[in-house]
């Protein structure tokens, strides 16, 4: 799939079939994620692949009852390695760059999944501490997003976008 087609057709999917996502497909998506740019090439991302149904149910509880997290066969928890970012850029690395860097990796992951016919949803509404505790994350590994991945059981309509003329300025 052409990158522009992936950008145009990517949707936030909240209903999934139970079909498993093969390991080789997951590896392909995560390989696309790590090709994202990062400040100073610090690459402060970590990816936790959650297939276990009890852990996915725990993620639902940590994410204010977003049940589709348990419905997807896989949830990728994208984390920022705060110490790695701090070593590269001190406080700004830890408080800003690591979030920008993981966001770029997430977008690559979402587009790669779309290109492979899979659905995803970028979930940012969750209790970070609960997710960290549930997964036994070490101090300094901050969960940034929960990304359910699976075969879509729905085809969401495109959401309205503000026109370019409303958001663009030339100087």
C-alpha atoms as a PDB file:
ATOM      1  CA  UNK A   1       0.000   0.000   0.000  1.00  0.00           C
ATOM      2  CA  UNK A   2       1.248   3.471  -0.885  1.00  0.00           C
ATOM      3  CA  UNK A   3       2.067   5.589   2.184  1.00  0.00           C
ATOM      4  CA  UNK A   4      -0.474   8.257   1.211  1.00  0.00           C
ATOM      5  CA  UNK A   5      -3.177   5.616   0.904  1.00  0.00           C
ATOM      6  CA  UNK A   6      -2.254   4.287   4.361  1.00  0.00           C
ATOM      7  CA  UNK A   7      -2.470   7.811   5.769  1.00  0.00           C
ATOM      8  CA  UNK A   8      -5.851   8.404   4.108  1.00  0.00           C
ATOM      9  CA  UNK A   9      -7.361   5.045   5.126  1.00  0.00           C
ATOM     10  CA  UNK A  10      -6.030   4.650   8.687  1.00  0.00           C
ATOM     11  CA  UNK A  11      -8.855   4.660  11.222  1.00  0.00           C
ATOM     12  CA  UNK A  12      -9.221   4.205  14.966  1.00  0.00           C
ATOM     13  CA  UNK A  13     -10.678   0.712  15.205  1.00  0.00           C
ATOM     14  CA  UNK A  14     -12.523  -0.290  18.365  1.00  0.00           C
ATOM     15  CA  UNK A  15     -13.931  -3.690  17.294  1.00  0.00           C
ATOM     16  CA  UNK A  16     -11.754  -6.665  16.426  1.00  0.00           C
ATOM     17  CA  UNK A  17     -12.156 -10.256  15.323  1.00  0.00           C
ATOM     18  CA  UNK A  18     -10.494 -12.904  17.515  1.00  0.00           C
ATOM     19  CA  UNK A  19      -8.104 -13.869  14.689  1.00  0.00           C
ATOM     20  CA  UNK A  20      -4.515 -13.969  15.966  1.00  0.00           C
ATOM     21  CA  UNK A  21      -1.847 -11.614  14.645  1.00  0.00           C
ATOM     22  CA  UNK A  22       1.096 -13.749  13.486  1.00  0.00           C
ATOM     23  CA  UNK A  23       4.462 -13.138  15.143  1.00  0.00           C
ATOM     24  CA  UNK A  24       6.091 -12.276  11.824  1.00  0.00           C
ATOM     25  CA  UNK A  25       3.476  -9.578  11.141  1.00  0.00           C
ATOM     26  CA  UNK A  26       3.980  -8.112  14.619  1.00  0.00           C
ATOM     27  CA  UNK A  27       7.728  -8.107  14.022  1.00  0.00           C
ATOM     28  CA  UNK A  28       7.159  -6.241  10.766  1.00  0.00           C
ATOM     29  CA  UNK A  29       5.024  -3.595  12.500  1.00  0.00           C
ATOM     30  CA  UNK A  30       7.533  -3.134  15.298  1.00  0.00           C
ATOM     31  CA  UNK A  31      10.390  -2.971  12.794  1.00  0.00           C
ATOM     32  CA  UNK A  32       8.545  -0.107  11.114  1.00  0.00           C
ATOM     33  CA  UNK A  33       8.092   1.584  14.498  1.00  0.00           C
ATOM     34  CA  UNK A  34      11.816   1.592  15.283  1.00  0.00           C
ATOM     35  CA  UNK A  35      12.584   3.267  11.957  1.00  0.00           C
ATOM     36  CA  UNK A  36      11.006   6.459  13.323  1.00  0.00           C
ATOM     37  CA  UNK A  37      13.217   9.493  13.831  1.00  0.00           C
ATOM     38  CA  UNK A  38      14.285  10.383  17.360  1.00  0.00           C
ATOM     39  CA  UNK A  39      16.109  13.307  18.930  1.00  0.00           C
ATOM     40  CA  UNK A  40      19.830  12.657  18.730  1.00  0.00           C
ATOM     41  CA  UNK A  41      19.004   9.136  17.543  1.00  0.00           C
ATOM     42  CA  UNK A  42      18.414   8.235  21.210  1.00  0.00           C
ATOM     43  CA  UNK A  43      15.597   5.823  20.269  1.00  0.00           C
ATOM     44  CA  UNK A  44      14.030   5.986  23.754  1.00  0.00           C
ATOM     45  CA  UNK A  45      11.224   3.553  23.020  1.00  0.00           C
ATOM     46  CA  UNK A  46      10.333   0.169  24.441  1.00  0.00           C
ATOM     47  CA  UNK A  47       7.467  -2.012  23.244  1.00  0.00           C
ATOM     48  CA  UNK A  48       5.632  -4.493  25.461  1.00  0.00           C
ATOM     49  CA  UNK A  49       3.536  -6.964  23.446  1.00  0.00           C
ATOM     50  CA  UNK A  50       0.575  -8.136  25.501  1.00  0.00           C
ATOM     51  CA  UNK A  51      -1.235 -11.248  24.295  1.00  0.00           C
ATOM     52  CA  UNK A  52      -2.289 -12.641  27.689  1.00  0.00           C
ATOM     53  CA  UNK A  53      -6.047 -12.204  28.137  1.00  0.00           C
ATOM     54  CA  UNK A  54      -5.809 -11.490  31.893  1.00  0.00           C
ATOM     55  CA  UNK A  55      -3.258  -8.747  31.276  1.00  0.00           C
ATOM     56  CA  UNK A  56      -5.418  -7.273  28.515  1.00  0.00           C
ATOM     57  CA  UNK A  57      -8.372  -7.239  30.953  1.00  0.00           C
ATOM     58  CA  UNK A  58      -6.106  -5.421  33.409  1.00  0.00           C
ATOM     59  CA  UNK A  59      -5.343  -2.873  30.698  1.00  0.00           C
ATOM     60  CA  UNK A  60      -9.098  -2.359  30.235  1.00  0.00           C
ATOM     61  CA  UNK A  61      -9.411  -1.540  33.940  1.00  0.00           C
ATOM     62  CA  UNK A  62      -6.409   0.825  33.781  1.00  0.00           C
ATOM     63  CA  UNK A  63      -7.899   2.481  30.673  1.00  0.00           C
ATOM     64  CA  UNK A  64     -11.217   3.457  32.249  1.00  0.00           C
ATOM     65  CA  UNK A  65     -13.155   0.492  30.871  1.00  0.00           C
ATOM     66  CA  UNK A  66     -12.183   0.675  27.192  1.00  0.00           C
ATOM     67  CA  UNK A  67     -13.221  -2.938  26.554  1.00  0.00           C
ATOM     68  CA  UNK A  68     -11.899  -3.133  23.010  1.00  0.00           C
ATOM     69  CA  UNK A  69      -8.402  -3.452  24.530  1.00  0.00           C
ATOM     70  CA  UNK A  70      -9.364  -6.954  25.670  1.00  0.00           C
ATOM     71  CA  UNK A  71     -11.158  -7.729  22.404  1.00  0.00           C
ATOM     72  CA  UNK A  72      -8.040  -7.205  20.276  1.00  0.00           C
ATOM     73  CA  UNK A  73      -5.758 -10.247  20.210  1.00  0.00           C
ATOM     74  CA  UNK A  74      -2.706  -8.070  20.895  1.00  0.00           C
ATOM     75  CA  UNK A  75      -2.061  -4.808  22.703  1.00  0.00           C
ATOM     76  CA  UNK A  76       1.292  -3.091  22.245  1.00  0.00           C
ATOM     77  CA  UNK A  77       2.205  -0.900  25.180  1.00  0.00           C
ATOM     78  CA  UNK A  78       4.558   1.787  23.900  1.00  0.00           C
ATOM     79  CA  UNK A  79       6.858   3.107  26.604  1.00  0.00           C
ATOM     80  CA  UNK A  80       9.412   5.888  26.854  1.00  0.00           C
ATOM     81  CA  UNK A  81      12.748   5.064  28.448  1.00  0.00           C
ATOM     82  CA  UNK A  82      13.164   8.233  30.500  1.00  0.00           C
ATOM     83  CA  UNK A  83      16.765   7.574  31.543  1.00  0.00           C
ATOM     84  CA  UNK A  84      17.861   6.960  27.953  1.00  0.00           C
ATOM     85  CA  UNK A  85      16.227  10.241  26.928  1.00  0.00           C
ATOM     86  CA  UNK A  86      17.721  12.066  29.930  1.00  0.00           C
ATOM     87  CA  UNK A  87      21.237  10.846  29.100  1.00  0.00           C
ATOM     88  CA  UNK A  88      20.869  12.291  25.610  1.00  0.00           C
ATOM     89  CA  UNK A  89      19.166  15.607  26.409  1.00  0.00           C
ATOM     90  CA  UNK A  90      18.816  16.005  30.180  1.00  0.00           C
ATOM     91  CA  UNK A  91      15.456  17.309  31.384  1.00  0.00           C
ATOM     92  CA  UNK A  92      14.173  18.263  27.921  1.00  0.00           C
ATOM     93  CA  UNK A  93      14.900  14.741  26.694  1.00  0.00           C
ATOM     94  CA  UNK A  94      12.942  13.232  29.583  1.00  0.00           C
ATOM     95  CA  UNK A  95       9.995  15.632  29.513  1.00  0.00           C
ATOM     96  CA  UNK A  96       9.554  16.337  25.787  1.00  0.00           C
ATOM     97  CA  UNK A  97      11.772  14.559  23.273  1.00  0.00           C
ATOM     98  CA  UNK A  98      10.958  11.052  24.487  1.00  0.00           C
ATOM     99  CA  UNK A  99       7.245  11.799  23.978  1.00  0.00           C
ATOM    100  CA  UNK A 100       7.826  13.179  20.497  1.00  0.00           C
ATOM    101  CA  UNK A 101      10.029  10.203  19.646  1.00  0.00           C
ATOM    102  CA  UNK A 102       7.553   7.585  20.857  1.00  0.00           C
ATOM    103  CA  UNK A 103       4.746   9.421  19.028  1.00  0.00           C
ATOM    104  CA  UNK A 104       6.684   9.130  15.771  1.00  0.00           C
ATOM    105  CA  UNK A 105       7.236   5.411  16.406  1.00  0.00           C
ATOM    106  CA  UNK A 106       3.529   4.964  17.149  1.00  0.00           C
ATOM    107  CA  UNK A 107       2.518   6.646  13.889  1.00  0.00           C
ATOM    108  CA  UNK A 108       4.861   4.359  11.939  1.00  0.00           C
ATOM    109  CA  UNK A 109       3.293   1.377  13.712  1.00  0.00           C
ATOM    110  CA  UNK A 110      -0.259   2.531  12.934  1.00  0.00           C
ATOM    111  CA  UNK A 111       0.494   3.112   9.261  1.00  0.00           C
ATOM    112  CA  UNK A 112       2.315  -0.217   8.892  1.00  0.00           C
ATOM    113  CA  UNK A 113      -0.676  -1.998  10.456  1.00  0.00           C
ATOM    114  CA  UNK A 114      -3.042  -0.229   8.054  1.00  0.00           C
ATOM    115  CA  UNK A 115      -0.859  -1.282   5.121  1.00  0.00           C
ATOM    116  CA  UNK A 116      -1.162  -4.910   6.321  1.00  0.00           C
ATOM    117  CA  UNK A 117      -4.954  -4.725   6.633  1.00  0.00           C
ATOM    118  CA  UNK A 118      -4.952  -4.563  10.422  1.00  0.00           C
ATOM    119  CA  UNK A 119      -6.820  -2.225  12.703  1.00  0.00           C
ATOM    120  CA  UNK A 120      -5.360  -0.195  15.553  1.00  0.00           C
ATOM    121  CA  UNK A 121      -6.353   2.548  17.944  1.00  0.00           C
ATOM    122  CA  UNK A 122      -4.026   4.986  19.687  1.00  0.00           C
ATOM    123  CA  UNK A 123      -5.182   4.896  23.318  1.00  0.00           C
ATOM    124  CA  UNK A 124      -3.787   7.575  25.581  1.00  0.00           C
ATOM    125  CA  UNK A 125      -6.515   7.616  28.235  1.00  0.00           C
ATOM    126  CA  UNK A 126      -5.218   5.340  30.980  1.00  0.00           C
ATOM    127  CA  UNK A 127      -3.675   5.414  34.421  1.00  0.00           C
ATOM    128  CA  UNK A 128       0.076   5.194  33.840  1.00  0.00           C
ATOM    129  CA  UNK A 129       0.831   3.875  37.318  1.00  0.00           C
ATOM    130  CA  UNK A 130      -1.701   1.052  37.016  1.00  0.00           C
ATOM    131  CA  UNK A 131      -0.302  -0.001  33.645  1.00  0.00           C
ATOM    132  CA  UNK A 132       3.262   0.116  34.979  1.00  0.00           C
ATOM    133  CA  UNK A 133       2.275  -1.972  38.018  1.00  0.00           C
ATOM    134  CA  UNK A 134       0.260  -4.466  35.962  1.00  0.00           C
ATOM    135  CA  UNK A 135       3.183  -5.089  33.603  1.00  0.00           C
ATOM    136  CA  UNK A 136       5.892  -4.856  36.253  1.00  0.00           C
ATOM    137  CA  UNK A 137       7.642  -2.041  34.425  1.00  0.00           C
ATOM    138  CA  UNK A 138      10.861  -0.789  35.996  1.00  0.00           C
ATOM    139  CA  UNK A 139      11.082   2.757  37.314  1.00  0.00           C
ATOM    140  CA  UNK A 140      11.931   5.098  34.459  1.00  0.00           C
ATOM    141  CA  UNK A 141       9.924   3.218  31.831  1.00  0.00           C
ATOM    142  CA  UNK A 142       6.850   5.385  31.213  1.00  0.00           C
ATOM    143  CA  UNK A 143       3.831   3.934  29.385  1.00  0.00           C
ATOM    144  CA  UNK A 144       2.864   6.450  26.704  1.00  0.00           C
ATOM    145  CA  UNK A 145       0.203   4.633  24.660  1.00  0.00           C
ATOM    146  CA  UNK A 146      -1.759   1.415  24.436  1.00  0.00           C
ATOM    147  CA  UNK A 147      -2.160   0.175  20.861  1.00  0.00           C
ATOM    148  CA  UNK A 148      -4.633  -2.675  20.281  1.00  0.00           C
ATOM    149  CA  UNK A 149      -3.847  -4.537  17.067  1.00  0.00           C
ATOM    150  CA  UNK A 150      -6.025  -7.006  15.205  1.00  0.00           C
ATOM    151  CA  UNK A 151      -8.206  -7.749  12.248  1.00  0.00           C
ATOM    152  CA  UNK A 152     -10.927  -5.070  12.214  1.00  0.00           C
ATOM    153  CA  UNK A 153     -14.516  -6.158  12.833  1.00  0.00           C
ATOM    154  CA  UNK A 154     -15.701  -2.714  11.712  1.00  0.00           C
ATOM    155  CA  UNK A 155     -14.878  -0.132   9.088  1.00  0.00           C
ATOM    156  CA  UNK A 156     -15.119   3.266  10.769  1.00  0.00           C
ATOM    157  CA  UNK A 157     -16.045   6.224   8.619  1.00  0.00           C
ATOM    158  CA  UNK A 158     -13.499   8.980   8.137  1.00  0.00           C
ATOM    159  CA  UNK A 159     -13.663  11.640  10.823  1.00  0.00           C
ATOM    160  CA  UNK A 160     -13.994  15.276   9.767  1.00  0.00           C
ATOM    161  CA  UNK A 161     -10.748  17.195   9.433  1.00  0.00           C
ATOM    162  CA  UNK A 162     -10.202  20.908   9.673  1.00  0.00           C
ATOM    163  CA  UNK A 163      -9.407  22.319   6.252  1.00  0.00           C
ATOM    164  CA  UNK A 164      -5.803  23.118   5.467  1.00  0.00           C
ATOM    165  CA  UNK A 165      -6.748  26.784   4.973  1.00  0.00           C
ATOM    166  CA  UNK A 166      -7.786  26.898   8.643  1.00  0.00           C
ATOM    167  CA  UNK A 167      -4.543  25.487  10.068  1.00  0.00           C
ATOM    168  CA  UNK A 168      -1.878  26.761   7.693  1.00  0.00           C
ATOM    169  CA  UNK A 169       0.089  29.991   7.777  1.00  0.00           C
ATOM    170  CA  UNK A 170       2.932  31.130   5.543  1.00  0.00           C
ATOM    171  CA  UNK A 171       5.459  33.583   6.885  1.00  0.00           C
END
